[in-house]
Amino acid sequence: MESKRPHQIDFPDKLYYKIGEVSEIADVPTYVLRFWQTEFKKIKPTRTPSGQRLYRKKDVDLVLKIKHLLYNKKFTIQGAKQHLRGYEKDSEEKIPAQTLDEIRSELENIRALLNKDDKK
């Protein structure tokens, strides 16, 4: 069974969520979501022609993460921004390092094969 981080909750799997739905899922007022949108630029709901905000699943996940940092971990908004930037940098750096290790290993295998051929 997959373990969940503290900020993750189950919510309906849909393509888009209206601001009222996100408000219910996150248990915060809609004005808080609108404020967080101005503070956290990664929250980017699309707009309908009438101006209604439509959040994607990744936006809702981010809202839940922000709520956890602000309400449970007692981060300031600036602290939450820094934490989220650090989290993104960590995840970006891990993937290339793993890829580099795989490439290095393959190159060492090729070198070993070439050295074996040179000795013949």
PDB file of N, CA and C in Angstrom:
ATOM      1  N   MET A   1       0.838  -1.190   0.000  1.00  0.00           N
ATOM      2  CA  MET A   1       0.000   0.000   0.000  1.00  0.00           C
ATOM      3  C   MET A   1       0.875   1.243   0.000  1.00  0.00           C
ATOM      4  N   GLU A   2       0.533   2.217  -0.783  1.00  0.00           N
ATOM      5  CA  GLU A   2       1.320   3.433  -0.923  1.00  0.00           C
ATOM      6  C   GLU A   2       1.109   4.329   0.297  1.00  0.00           C
ATOM      7  N   SER A   3       2.238   4.770   0.911  1.00  0.00           N
ATOM      8  CA  SER A   3       2.105   5.669   2.059  1.00  0.00           C
ATOM      9  C   SER A   3       1.982   7.097   1.561  1.00  0.00           C
ATOM     10  N   LYS A   4       1.191   7.873   2.263  1.00  0.00           N
ATOM     11  CA  LYS A   4       0.936   9.258   1.847  1.00  0.00           C
ATOM     12  C   LYS A   4       1.699  10.210   2.740  1.00  0.00           C
ATOM     13  N   ARG A   5       2.143  11.311   2.132  1.00  0.00           N
ATOM     14  CA  ARG A   5       2.743  12.368   2.931  1.00  0.00           C
ATOM     15  C   ARG A   5       1.608  13.064   3.670  1.00  0.00           C
ATOM     16  N   PRO A   6       1.935  13.786   4.745  1.00  0.00           N
ATOM     17  CA  PRO A   6       0.878  14.401   5.569  1.00  0.00           C
ATOM     18  C   PRO A   6      -0.066  15.321   4.816  1.00  0.00           C
ATOM     19  N   HIS A   7       0.390  15.994   3.773  1.00  0.00           N
ATOM     20  CA  HIS A   7      -0.461  16.956   3.066  1.00  0.00           C
ATOM     21  C   HIS A   7      -1.326  16.305   2.003  1.00  0.00           C
ATOM     22  N   GLN A   8      -1.137  15.032   1.723  1.00  0.00           N
ATOM     23  CA  GLN A   8      -1.909  14.392   0.669  1.00  0.00           C
ATOM     24  C   GLN A   8      -3.215  13.834   1.224  1.00  0.00           C
ATOM     25  N   ILE A   9      -4.285  14.073   0.477  1.00  0.00           N
ATOM     26  CA  ILE A   9      -5.578  13.504   0.819  1.00  0.00           C
ATOM     27  C   ILE A   9      -6.193  12.967  -0.459  1.00  0.00           C
ATOM     28  N   ASP A  10      -7.188  12.112  -0.297  1.00  0.00           N
ATOM     29  CA  ASP A  10      -7.895  11.606  -1.468  1.00  0.00           C
ATOM     30  C   ASP A  10      -8.930  12.632  -1.901  1.00  0.00           C
ATOM     31  N   PHE A  11      -8.997  12.885  -3.199  1.00  0.00           N
ATOM     32  CA  PHE A  11     -10.033  13.742  -3.757  1.00  0.00           C
ATOM     33  C   PHE A  11     -10.351  13.224  -5.145  1.00  0.00           C
ATOM     34  N   PRO A  12     -11.505  13.571  -5.668  1.00  0.00           N
ATOM     35  CA  PRO A  12     -11.935  13.032  -6.962  1.00  0.00           C
ATOM     36  C   PRO A  12     -10.904  13.300  -8.056  1.00  0.00           C
ATOM     37  N   ASP A  13     -10.704  12.302  -8.904  1.00  0.00           N
ATOM     38  CA  ASP A  13      -9.755  12.433 -10.006  1.00  0.00           C
ATOM     39  C   ASP A  13     -10.486  13.003 -11.212  1.00  0.00           C
ATOM     40  N   LYS A  14     -10.250  14.296 -11.465  1.00  0.00           N
ATOM     41  CA  LYS A  14     -10.897  14.994 -12.568  1.00  0.00           C
ATOM     42  C   LYS A  14      -9.849  15.791 -13.313  1.00  0.00           C
ATOM     43  N   LEU A  15     -10.209  16.266 -14.485  1.00  0.00           N
ATOM     44  CA  LEU A  15      -9.298  17.089 -15.260  1.00  0.00           C
ATOM     45  C   LEU A  15      -9.197  18.495 -14.670  1.00  0.00           C
ATOM     46  N   TYR A  16     -10.319  19.069 -14.299  1.00  0.00           N
ATOM     47  CA  TYR A  16     -10.347  20.432 -13.739  1.00  0.00           C
ATOM     48  C   TYR A  16     -11.232  20.486 -12.509  1.00  0.00           C
ATOM     49  N   TYR A  17     -10.882  21.393 -11.594  1.00  0.00           N
ATOM     50  CA  TYR A  17     -11.634  21.626 -10.367  1.00  0.00           C
ATOM     51  C   TYR A  17     -11.943  23.118 -10.289  1.00  0.00           C
ATOM     52  N   LYS A  18     -13.178  23.451  -9.961  1.00  0.00           N
ATOM     53  CA  LYS A  18     -13.541  24.854  -9.763  1.00  0.00           C
ATOM     54  C   LYS A  18     -13.008  25.313  -8.410  1.00  0.00           C
ATOM     55  N   ILE A  19     -12.914  26.624  -8.240  1.00  0.00           N
ATOM     56  CA  ILE A  19     -12.327  27.170  -7.012  1.00  0.00           C
ATOM     57  C   ILE A  19     -13.107  26.725  -5.771  1.00  0.00           C
ATOM     58  N   GLY A  20     -14.427  26.599  -5.900  1.00  0.00           N
ATOM     59  CA  GLY A  20     -15.226  26.137  -4.767  1.00  0.00           C
ATOM     60  C   GLY A  20     -14.895  24.705  -4.378  1.00  0.00           C
ATOM     61  N   GLU A  21     -14.633  23.872  -5.385  1.00  0.00           N
ATOM     62  CA  GLU A  21     -14.258  22.476  -5.111  1.00  0.00           C
ATOM     63  C   GLU A  21     -12.892  22.410  -4.433  1.00  0.00           C
ATOM     64  N   VAL A  22     -11.957  23.209  -4.917  1.00  0.00           N
ATOM     65  CA  VAL A  22     -10.622  23.232  -4.313  1.00  0.00           C
ATOM     66  C   VAL A  22     -10.711  23.757  -2.887  1.00  0.00           C
ATOM     67  N   SER A  23     -11.571  24.738  -2.683  1.00  0.00           N
ATOM     68  CA  SER A  23     -11.791  25.282  -1.348  1.00  0.00           C
ATOM     69  C   SER A  23     -12.286  24.194  -0.389  1.00  0.00           C
ATOM     70  N   GLU A  24     -13.205  23.372  -0.852  1.00  0.00           N
ATOM     71  CA  GLU A  24     -13.713  22.270  -0.021  1.00  0.00           C
ATOM     72  C   GLU A  24     -12.640  21.214   0.210  1.00  0.00           C
ATOM     73  N   ILE A  25     -11.910  20.847  -0.842  1.00  0.00           N
ATOM     74  CA  ILE A  25     -10.876  19.822  -0.717  1.00  0.00           C
ATOM     75  C   ILE A  25      -9.800  20.261   0.277  1.00  0.00           C
ATOM     76  N   ALA A  26      -9.339  21.496   0.148  1.00  0.00           N
ATOM     77  CA  ALA A  26      -8.265  22.002   0.999  1.00  0.00           C
ATOM     78  C   ALA A  26      -8.775  22.536   2.335  1.00  0.00           C
ATOM     79  N   ASP A  27     -10.080  22.720   2.434  1.00  0.00           N
ATOM     80  CA  ASP A  27     -10.695  23.259   3.651  1.00  0.00           C
ATOM     81  C   ASP A  27     -10.137  24.646   3.996  1.00  0.00           C
ATOM     82  N   VAL A  28     -10.065  25.493   2.953  1.00  0.00           N
ATOM     83  CA  VAL A  28      -9.687  26.897   3.133  1.00  0.00           C
ATOM     84  C   VAL A  28     -10.666  27.743   2.329  1.00  0.00           C
ATOM     85  N   PRO A  29     -10.920  28.976   2.750  1.00  0.00           N
ATOM     86  CA  PRO A  29     -11.830  29.845   1.990  1.00  0.00           C
ATOM     87  C   PRO A  29     -11.279  30.187   0.605  1.00  0.00           C
ATOM     88  N   THR A  30     -12.175  30.528  -0.288  1.00  0.00           N
ATOM     89  CA  THR A  30     -11.759  30.847  -1.661  1.00  0.00           C
ATOM     90  C   THR A  30     -10.844  32.071  -1.708  1.00  0.00           C
ATOM     91  N   TYR A  31     -11.054  33.039  -0.802  1.00  0.00           N
ATOM     92  CA  TYR A  31     -10.190  34.216  -0.824  1.00  0.00           C
ATOM     93  C   TYR A  31      -8.751  33.847  -0.481  1.00  0.00           C
ATOM     94  N   VAL A  32      -8.561  32.802   0.321  1.00  0.00           N
ATOM     95  CA  VAL A  32      -7.207  32.333   0.647  1.00  0.00           C
ATOM     96  C   VAL A  32      -6.563  31.744  -0.609  1.00  0.00           C
ATOM     97  N   LEU A  33      -7.327  30.971  -1.375  1.00  0.00           N
ATOM     98  CA  LEU A  33      -6.796  30.408  -2.625  1.00  0.00           C
ATOM     99  C   LEU A  33      -6.391  31.515  -3.592  1.00  0.00           C
ATOM    100  N   ARG A  34      -7.220  32.542  -3.692  1.00  0.00           N
ATOM    101  CA  ARG A  34      -6.892  33.649  -4.582  1.00  0.00           C
ATOM    102  C   ARG A  34      -5.626  34.372  -4.119  1.00  0.00           C
ATOM    103  N   PHE A  35      -5.488  34.539  -2.799  1.00  0.00           N
ATOM    104  CA  PHE A  35      -4.289  35.175  -2.252  1.00  0.00           C
ATOM    105  C   PHE A  35      -3.057  34.312  -2.515  1.00  0.00           C
ATOM    106  N   TRP A  36      -3.160  33.003  -2.260  1.00  0.00           N
ATOM    107  CA  TRP A  36      -2.027  32.105  -2.496  1.00  0.00           C
ATOM    108  C   TRP A  36      -1.616  32.123  -3.965  1.00  0.00           C
ATOM    109  N   GLN A  37      -2.587  32.281  -4.844  1.00  0.00           N
ATOM    110  CA  GLN A  37      -2.276  32.339  -6.275  1.00  0.00           C
ATOM    111  C   GLN A  37      -1.371  33.533  -6.571  1.00  0.00           C
ATOM    112  N   THR A  38      -1.572  34.647  -5.863  1.00  0.00           N
ATOM    113  CA  THR A  38      -0.720  35.816  -6.093  1.00  0.00           C
ATOM    114  C   THR A  38       0.666  35.624  -5.477  1.00  0.00           C
ATOM    115  N   GLU A  39       0.751  34.863  -4.403  1.00  0.00           N
ATOM    116  CA  GLU A  39       2.024  34.673  -3.705  1.00  0.00           C
ATOM    117  C   GLU A  39       2.856  33.524  -4.280  1.00  0.00           C
ATOM    118  N   PHE A  40       2.202  32.465  -4.696  1.00  0.00           N
ATOM    119  CA  PHE A  40       2.886  31.274  -5.200  1.00  0.00           C
ATOM    120  C   PHE A  40       2.603  31.172  -6.701  1.00  0.00           C
ATOM    121  N   LYS A  41       3.562  31.583  -7.493  1.00  0.00           N
ATOM    122  CA  LYS A  41       3.363  31.669  -8.947  1.00  0.00           C
ATOM    123  C   LYS A  41       3.185  30.307  -9.611  1.00  0.00           C
ATOM    124  N   LYS A  42       3.529  29.225  -8.916  1.00  0.00           N
ATOM    125  CA  LYS A  42       3.351  27.882  -9.482  1.00  0.00           C
ATOM    126  C   LYS A  42       1.874  27.476  -9.515  1.00  0.00           C
ATOM    127  N   ILE A  43       1.043  28.137  -8.734  1.00  0.00           N
ATOM    128  CA  ILE A  43      -0.397  27.873  -8.792  1.00  0.00           C
ATOM    129  C   ILE A  43      -0.934  28.666  -9.976  1.00  0.00           C
ATOM    130  N   LYS A  44      -1.280  27.958 -11.040  1.00  0.00           N
ATOM    131  CA  LYS A  44      -1.703  28.631 -12.269  1.00  0.00           C
ATOM    132  C   LYS A  44      -3.016  28.051 -12.783  1.00  0.00           C
ATOM    133  N   PRO A  45      -4.123  28.410 -12.151  1.00  0.00           N
ATOM    134  CA  PRO A  45      -5.396  27.913 -12.694  1.00  0.00           C
ATOM    135  C   PRO A  45      -5.683  28.563 -14.044  1.00  0.00           C
ATOM    136  N   THR A  46      -6.303  27.789 -14.924  1.00  0.00           N
ATOM    137  CA  THR A  46      -6.727  28.366 -16.193  1.00  0.00           C
ATOM    138  C   THR A  46      -8.037  29.099 -15.958  1.00  0.00           C
ATOM    139  N   ARG A  47      -8.433  29.904 -16.907  1.00  0.00           N
ATOM    140  CA  ARG A  47      -9.671  30.678 -16.773  1.00  0.00           C
ATOM    141  C   ARG A  47     -10.631  30.307 -17.887  1.00  0.00           C
ATOM    142  N   THR A  48     -11.893  30.239 -17.538  1.00  0.00           N
ATOM    143  CA  THR A  48     -12.929  30.061 -18.543  1.00  0.00           C
ATOM    144  C   THR A  48     -13.184  31.427 -19.184  1.00  0.00           C
ATOM    145  N   PRO A  49     -13.909  31.470 -20.301  1.00  0.00           N
ATOM    146  CA  PRO A  49     -14.222  32.779 -20.900  1.00  0.00           C
ATOM    147  C   PRO A  49     -14.947  33.718 -19.932  1.00  0.00           C
ATOM    148  N   SER A  50     -15.671  33.148 -18.978  1.00  0.00           N
ATOM    149  CA  SER A  50     -16.379  33.994 -18.007  1.00  0.00           C
ATOM    150  C   SER A  50     -15.500  34.370 -16.810  1.00  0.00           C
ATOM    151  N   GLY A  51     -14.253  33.877 -16.785  1.00  0.00           N
ATOM    152  CA  GLY A  51     -13.339  34.255 -15.709  1.00  0.00           C
ATOM    153  C   GLY A  51     -13.238  33.262 -14.564  1.00  0.00           C
ATOM    154  N   GLN A  52     -13.978  32.162 -14.616  1.00  0.00           N
ATOM    155  CA  GLN A  52     -13.947  31.144 -13.557  1.00  0.00           C
ATOM    156  C   GLN A  52     -12.583  30.463 -13.529  1.00  0.00           C
ATOM    157  N   ARG A  53     -11.994  30.345 -12.341  1.00  0.00           N
ATOM    158  CA  ARG A  53     -10.710  29.651 -12.205  1.00  0.00           C
ATOM    159  C   ARG A  53     -10.944  28.140 -12.268  1.00  0.00           C
ATOM    160  N   LEU A  54     -10.108  27.463 -13.061  1.00  0.00           N
ATOM    161  CA  LEU A  54     -10.142  26.008 -13.145  1.00  0.00           C
ATOM    162  C   LEU A  54      -8.762  25.476 -12.784  1.00  0.00           C
ATOM    163  N   TYR A  55      -8.713  24.713 -11.689  1.00  0.00           N
ATOM    164  CA  TYR A  55      -7.452  24.180 -11.186  1.00  0.00           C
ATOM    165  C   TYR A  55      -7.243  22.772 -11.711  1.00  0.00           C
ATOM    166  N   ARG A  56      -5.997  22.441 -12.052  1.00  0.00           N
ATOM    167  CA  ARG A  56      -5.644  21.071 -12.427  1.00  0.00           C
ATOM    168  C   ARG A  56      -5.248  20.304 -11.179  1.00  0.00           C
ATOM    169  N   LYS A  57      -5.110  18.997 -11.323  1.00  0.00           N
ATOM    170  CA  LYS A  57      -4.757  18.148 -10.184  1.00  0.00           C
ATOM    171  C   LYS A  57      -3.434  18.590  -9.555  1.00  0.00           C
ATOM    172  N   LYS A  58      -2.447  18.960 -10.387  1.00  0.00           N
ATOM    173  CA  LYS A  58      -1.159  19.379  -9.828  1.00  0.00           C
ATOM    174  C   LYS A  58      -1.300  20.686  -9.043  1.00  0.00           C
ATOM    175  N   ASP A  59      -2.240  21.558  -9.448  1.00  0.00           N
ATOM    176  CA  ASP A  59      -2.495  22.780  -8.683  1.00  0.00           C
ATOM    177  C   ASP A  59      -3.097  22.446  -7.322  1.00  0.00           C
ATOM    178  N   VAL A  60      -4.039  21.505  -7.316  1.00  0.00           N
ATOM    179  CA  VAL A  60      -4.673  21.101  -6.056  1.00  0.00           C
ATOM    180  C   VAL A  60      -3.641  20.469  -5.134  1.00  0.00           C
ATOM    181  N   ASP A  61      -2.766  19.612  -5.676  1.00  0.00           N
ATOM    182  CA  ASP A  61      -1.697  19.019  -4.867  1.00  0.00           C
ATOM    183  C   ASP A  61      -0.807  20.098  -4.264  1.00  0.00           C
ATOM    184  N   LEU A  62      -0.470  21.106  -5.071  1.00  0.00           N
ATOM    185  CA  LEU A  62       0.369  22.197  -4.583  1.00  0.00           C
ATOM    186  C   LEU A  62      -0.351  22.997  -3.502  1.00  0.00           C
ATOM    187  N   VAL A  63      -1.632  23.252  -3.680  1.00  0.00           N
ATOM    188  CA  VAL A  63      -2.415  23.956  -2.662  1.00  0.00           C
ATOM    189  C   VAL A  63      -2.379  23.182  -1.346  1.00  0.00           C
ATOM    190  N   LEU A  64      -2.542  21.861  -1.426  1.00  0.00           N
ATOM    191  CA  LEU A  64      -2.509  21.034  -0.212  1.00  0.00           C
ATOM    192  C   LEU A  64      -1.128  21.064   0.438  1.00  0.00           C
ATOM    193  N   LYS A  65      -0.086  21.070  -0.371  1.00  0.00           N
ATOM    194  CA  LYS A  65       1.277  21.133   0.164  1.00  0.00           C
ATOM    195  C   LYS A  65       1.504  22.478   0.851  1.00  0.00           C
ATOM    196  N   ILE A  66       1.056  23.557   0.214  1.00  0.00           N
ATOM    197  CA  ILE A  66       1.205  24.895   0.795  1.00  0.00           C
ATOM    198  C   ILE A  66       0.432  24.992   2.100  1.00  0.00           C
ATOM    199  N   LYS A  67      -0.787  24.476   2.115  1.00  0.00           N
ATOM    200  CA  LYS A  67      -1.587  24.513   3.342  1.00  0.00           C
ATOM    201  C   LYS A  67      -0.859  23.766   4.460  1.00  0.00           C
ATOM    202  N   HIS A  68      -0.293  22.616   4.139  1.00  0.00           N
ATOM    203  CA  HIS A  68       0.431  21.832   5.144  1.00  0.00           C
ATOM    204  C   HIS A  68       1.621  22.628   5.694  1.00  0.00           C
ATOM    205  N   LEU A  69       2.369  23.268   4.793  1.00  0.00           N
ATOM    206  CA  LEU A  69       3.529  24.041   5.239  1.00  0.00           C
ATOM    207  C   LEU A  69       3.114  25.222   6.111  1.00  0.00           C
ATOM    208  N   LEU A  70       2.061  25.916   5.702  1.00  0.00           N
ATOM    209  CA  LEU A  70       1.646  27.117   6.432  1.00  0.00           C
ATOM    210  C   LEU A  70       0.900  26.794   7.722  1.00  0.00           C
ATOM    211  N   TYR A  71      -0.007  25.839   7.680  1.00  0.00           N
ATOM    212  CA  TYR A  71      -0.879  25.592   8.826  1.00  0.00           C
ATOM    213  C   TYR A  71      -0.305  24.567   9.799  1.00  0.00           C
ATOM    214  N   ASN A  72       0.323  23.515   9.289  1.00  0.00           N
ATOM    215  CA  ASN A  72       0.827  22.462  10.168  1.00  0.00           C
ATOM    216  C   ASN A  72       2.287  22.683  10.567  1.00  0.00           C
ATOM    217  N   LYS A  73       3.105  23.028   9.595  1.00  0.00           N
ATOM    218  CA  LYS A  73       4.530  23.230   9.873  1.00  0.00           C
ATOM    219  C   LYS A  73       4.825  24.650  10.351  1.00  0.00           C
ATOM    220  N   LYS A  74       3.826  25.528  10.275  1.00  0.00           N
ATOM    221  CA  LYS A  74       3.928  26.920  10.749  1.00  0.00           C
ATOM    222  C   LYS A  74       4.986  27.726  10.003  1.00  0.00           C
ATOM    223  N   PHE A  75       5.156  27.447   8.702  1.00  0.00           N
ATOM    224  CA  PHE A  75       6.059  28.238   7.878  1.00  0.00           C
ATOM    225  C   PHE A  75       5.423  29.597   7.618  1.00  0.00           C
ATOM    226  N   THR A  76       6.270  30.601   7.406  1.00  0.00           N
ATOM    227  CA  THR A  76       5.771  31.866   6.874  1.00  0.00           C
ATOM    228  C   THR A  76       5.583  31.671   5.367  1.00  0.00           C
ATOM    229  N   ILE A  77       4.939  32.615   4.728  1.00  0.00           N
ATOM    230  CA  ILE A  77       4.769  32.506   3.276  1.00  0.00           C
ATOM    231  C   ILE A  77       6.138  32.496   2.607  1.00  0.00           C
ATOM    232  N   GLN A  78       7.030  33.386   3.044  1.00  0.00           N
ATOM    233  CA  GLN A  78       8.376  33.421   2.470  1.00  0.00           C
ATOM    234  C   GLN A  78       9.105  32.099   2.721  1.00  0.00           C
ATOM    235  N   GLY A  79       8.957  31.544   3.911  1.00  0.00           N
ATOM    236  CA  GLY A  79       9.590  30.266   4.230  1.00  0.00           C
ATOM    237  C   GLY A  79       9.043  29.131   3.380  1.00  0.00           C
ATOM    238  N   ALA A  80       7.738  29.142   3.144  1.00  0.00           N
ATOM    239  CA  ALA A  80       7.122  28.115   2.299  1.00  0.00           C
ATOM    240  C   ALA A  80       7.630  28.235   0.864  1.00  0.00           C
ATOM    241  N   LYS A  81       7.770  29.472   0.382  1.00  0.00           N
ATOM    242  CA  LYS A  81       8.302  29.678  -0.972  1.00  0.00           C
ATOM    243  C   LYS A  81       9.712  29.109  -1.077  1.00  0.00           C
ATOM    244  N   GLN A  82      10.541  29.404  -0.093  1.00  0.00           N
ATOM    245  CA  GLN A  82      11.922  28.906  -0.101  1.00  0.00           C
ATOM    246  C   GLN A  82      11.942  27.387  -0.017  1.00  0.00           C
ATOM    247  N   HIS A  83      11.097  26.830   0.828  1.00  0.00           N
ATOM    248  CA  HIS A  83      11.038  25.370   0.968  1.00  0.00           C
ATOM    249  C   HIS A  83      10.637  24.716  -0.356  1.00  0.00           C
ATOM    250  N   LEU A  84       9.642  25.281  -1.014  1.00  0.00           N
ATOM    251  CA  LEU A  84       9.191  24.719  -2.287  1.00  0.00           C
ATOM    252  C   LEU A  84      10.269  24.863  -3.355  1.00  0.00           C
ATOM    253  N   ARG A  85      10.998  25.968  -3.363  1.00  0.00           N
ATOM    254  CA  ARG A  85      12.107  26.130  -4.323  1.00  0.00           C
ATOM    255  C   ARG A  85      13.195  25.107  -4.045  1.00  0.00           C
ATOM    256  N   GLY A  86      13.509  24.886  -2.780  1.00  0.00           N
ATOM    257  CA  GLY A  86      14.512  23.887  -2.407  1.00  0.00           C
ATOM    258  C   GLY A  86      14.074  22.488  -2.780  1.00  0.00           C
ATOM    259  N   TYR A  87      12.799  22.193  -2.611  1.00  0.00           N
ATOM    260  CA  TYR A  87      12.258  20.882  -2.965  1.00  0.00           C
ATOM    261  C   TYR A  87      12.378  20.651  -4.465  1.00  0.00           C
ATOM    262  N   GLU A  88      12.083  21.670  -5.260  1.00  0.00           N
ATOM    263  CA  GLU A  88      12.193  21.550  -6.713  1.00  0.00           C
ATOM    264  C   GLU A  88      13.639  21.338  -7.129  1.00  0.00           C
ATOM    265  N   LYS A  89      14.571  22.069  -6.515  1.00  0.00           N
ATOM    266  CA  LYS A  89      15.978  21.916  -6.858  1.00  0.00           C
ATOM    267  C   LYS A  89      16.466  20.519  -6.512  1.00  0.00           C
ATOM    268  N   ASP A  90      16.055  20.007  -5.338  1.00  0.00           N
ATOM    269  CA  ASP A  90      16.457  18.657  -4.940  1.00  0.00           C
ATOM    270  C   ASP A  90      15.975  17.627  -5.944  1.00  0.00           C
ATOM    271  N   SER A  91      14.719  17.716  -6.350  1.00  0.00           N
ATOM    272  CA  SER A  91      14.180  16.715  -7.268  1.00  0.00           C
ATOM    273  C   SER A  91      14.790  16.861  -8.652  1.00  0.00           C
ATOM    274  N   GLU A  92      15.137  18.088  -9.068  1.00  0.00           N
ATOM    275  CA  GLU A  92      15.772  18.286 -10.369  1.00  0.00           C
ATOM    276  C   GLU A  92      17.185  17.725 -10.376  1.00  0.00           C
ATOM    277  N   GLU A  93      17.907  17.849  -9.255  1.00  0.00           N
ATOM    278  CA  GLU A  93      19.287  17.400  -9.203  1.00  0.00           C
ATOM    279  C   GLU A  93      19.394  15.886  -9.094  1.00  0.00           C
ATOM    280  N   LYS A  94      18.442  15.221  -8.506  1.00  0.00           N
ATOM    281  CA  LYS A  94      18.523  13.779  -8.309  1.00  0.00           C
ATOM    282  C   LYS A  94      18.433  13.019  -9.625  1.00  0.00           C
ATOM    283  N   ILE A  95      17.589  13.411 -10.504  1.00  0.00           N
ATOM    284  CA  ILE A  95      17.408  12.685 -11.756  1.00  0.00           C
ATOM    285  C   ILE A  95      18.660  12.749 -12.620  1.00  0.00           C
ATOM    286  N   PRO A  96      19.233  13.917 -12.880  1.00  0.00           N
ATOM    287  CA  PRO A  96      20.442  13.951 -13.700  1.00  0.00           C
ATOM    288  C   PRO A  96      21.612  13.196 -13.071  1.00  0.00           C
ATOM    289  N   ALA A  97      21.762  13.228 -11.747  1.00  0.00           N
ATOM    290  CA  ALA A  97      22.859  12.520 -11.099  1.00  0.00           C
ATOM    291  C   ALA A  97      22.733  11.017 -11.352  1.00  0.00           C
ATOM    292  N   GLN A  98      21.536  10.501 -11.264  1.00  0.00           N
ATOM    293  CA  GLN A  98      21.308   9.082 -11.527  1.00  0.00           C
ATOM    294  C   GLN A  98      21.624   8.772 -12.986  1.00  0.00           C
ATOM    295  N   THR A  99      21.198   9.631 -13.885  1.00  0.00           N
ATOM    296  CA  THR A  99      21.468   9.445 -15.309  1.00  0.00           C
ATOM    297  C   THR A  99      22.963   9.485 -15.579  1.00  0.00           C
ATOM    298  N   LEU A 100      23.669  10.408 -14.953  1.00  0.00           N
ATOM    299  CA  LEU A 100      25.115  10.492 -15.126  1.00  0.00           C
ATOM    300  C   LEU A 100      25.806   9.229 -14.644  1.00  0.00           C
ATOM    301  N   ASP A 101      25.347   8.683 -13.532  1.00  0.00           N
ATOM    302  CA  ASP A 101      25.925   7.431 -13.028  1.00  0.00           C
ATOM    303  C   ASP A 101      25.716   6.296 -14.022  1.00  0.00           C
ATOM    304  N   GLU A 102      24.547   6.236 -14.624  1.00  0.00           N
ATOM    305  CA  GLU A 102      24.270   5.194 -15.612  1.00  0.00           C
ATOM    306  C   GLU A 102      25.158   5.364 -16.840  1.00  0.00           C
ATOM    307  N   ILE A 103      25.324   6.594 -17.301  1.00  0.00           N
ATOM    308  CA  ILE A 103      26.180   6.870 -18.454  1.00  0.00           C
ATOM    309  C   ILE A 103      27.630   6.516 -18.129  1.00  0.00           C
ATOM    310  N   ARG A 104      28.065   6.910 -16.947  1.00  0.00           N
ATOM    311  CA  ARG A 104      29.437   6.609 -16.524  1.00  0.00           C
ATOM    312  C   ARG A 104      29.674   5.101 -16.504  1.00  0.00           C
ATOM    313  N   SER A 105      28.728   4.372 -15.982  1.00  0.00           N
ATOM    314  CA  SER A 105      28.844   2.914 -15.930  1.00  0.00           C
ATOM    315  C   SER A 105      28.933   2.308 -17.326  1.00  0.00           C
ATOM    316  N   GLU A 106      28.099   2.794 -18.237  1.00  0.00           N
ATOM    317  CA  GLU A 106      28.127   2.299 -19.613  1.00  0.00           C
ATOM    318  C   GLU A 106      29.456   2.630 -20.292  1.00  0.00           C
ATOM    319  N   LEU A 107      29.971   3.832 -20.062  1.00  0.00           N
ATOM    320  CA  LEU A 107      31.252   4.210 -20.651  1.00  0.00           C
ATOM    321  C   LEU A 107      32.396   3.350 -20.104  1.00  0.00           C
ATOM    322  N   GLU A 108      32.342   3.038 -18.830  1.00  0.00           N
ATOM    323  CA  GLU A 108      33.362   2.149 -18.249  1.00  0.00           C
ATOM    324  C   GLU A 108      33.288   0.764 -18.870  1.00  0.00           C
ATOM    325  N   ASN A 109      32.075   0.283 -19.130  1.00  0.00           N
ATOM    326  CA  ASN A 109      31.914  -1.016 -19.792  1.00  0.00           C
ATOM    327  C   ASN A 109      32.493  -0.975 -21.207  1.00  0.00           C
ATOM    328  N   ILE A 110      32.245   0.112 -21.917  1.00  0.00           N
ATOM    329  CA  ILE A 110      32.784   0.258 -23.276  1.00  0.00           C
ATOM    330  C   ILE A 110      34.311   0.317 -23.230  1.00  0.00           C
ATOM    331  N   ARG A 111      34.859   1.071 -22.275  1.00  0.00           N
ATOM    332  CA  ARG A 111      36.312   1.157 -22.129  1.00  0.00           C
ATOM    333  C   ARG A 111      36.909  -0.220 -21.866  1.00  0.00           C
ATOM    334  N   ALA A 112      36.270  -0.972 -20.988  1.00  0.00           N
ATOM    335  CA  ALA A 112      36.757  -2.323 -20.685  1.00  0.00           C
ATOM    336  C   ALA A 112      36.735  -3.195 -21.935  1.00  0.00           C
ATOM    337  N   LEU A 113      35.669  -3.090 -22.733  1.00  0.00           N
ATOM    338  CA  LEU A 113      35.604  -3.868 -23.974  1.00  0.00           C
ATOM    339  C   LEU A 113      36.686  -3.438 -24.949  1.00  0.00           C
ATOM    340  N   LEU A 114      36.931  -2.140 -25.072  1.00  0.00           N
ATOM    341  CA  LEU A 114      37.974  -1.648 -25.974  1.00  0.00           C
ATOM    342  C   LEU A 114      39.359  -2.079 -25.511  1.00  0.00           C
ATOM    343  N   ASN A 115      39.598  -2.021 -24.221  1.00  0.00           N
ATOM    344  CA  ASN A 115      40.893  -2.450 -23.677  1.00  0.00           C
ATOM    345  C   ASN A 115      41.107  -3.940 -23.896  1.00  0.00           C
ATOM    346  N   LYS A 116      40.035  -4.716 -23.808  1.00  0.00           N
ATOM    347  CA  LYS A 116      40.108  -6.152 -24.032  1.00  0.00           C
ATOM    348  C   LYS A 116      40.485  -6.421 -25.492  1.00  0.00           C
ATOM    349  N   ASP A 117      39.915  -5.647 -26.435  1.00  0.00           N
ATOM    350  CA  ASP A 117      40.209  -5.807 -27.847  1.00  0.00           C
ATOM    351  C   ASP A 117      41.637  -5.380 -28.178  1.00  0.00           C
ATOM    352  N   ASP A 118      42.165  -4.344 -27.490  1.00  0.00           N
ATOM    353  CA  ASP A 118      43.520  -3.857 -27.731  1.00  0.00           C
ATOM    354  C   ASP A 118      44.561  -4.892 -27.323  1.00  0.00           C
ATOM    355  N   LYS A 119      44.274  -5.698 -26.323  1.00  0.00           N
ATOM    356  CA  LYS A 119      45.223  -6.685 -25.820  1.00  0.00           C
ATOM    357  C   LYS A 119      45.330  -7.898 -26.746  1.00  0.00           C
ATOM    358  N   LYS A 120      44.374  -8.072 -27.626  1.00  0.00           N
ATOM    359  CA  LYS A 120      44.394  -9.239 -28.521  1.00  0.00           C
ATOM    360  C   LYS A 120      45.387  -9.100 -29.602  1.00  0.00           C
TER     361      LYS A 120
END
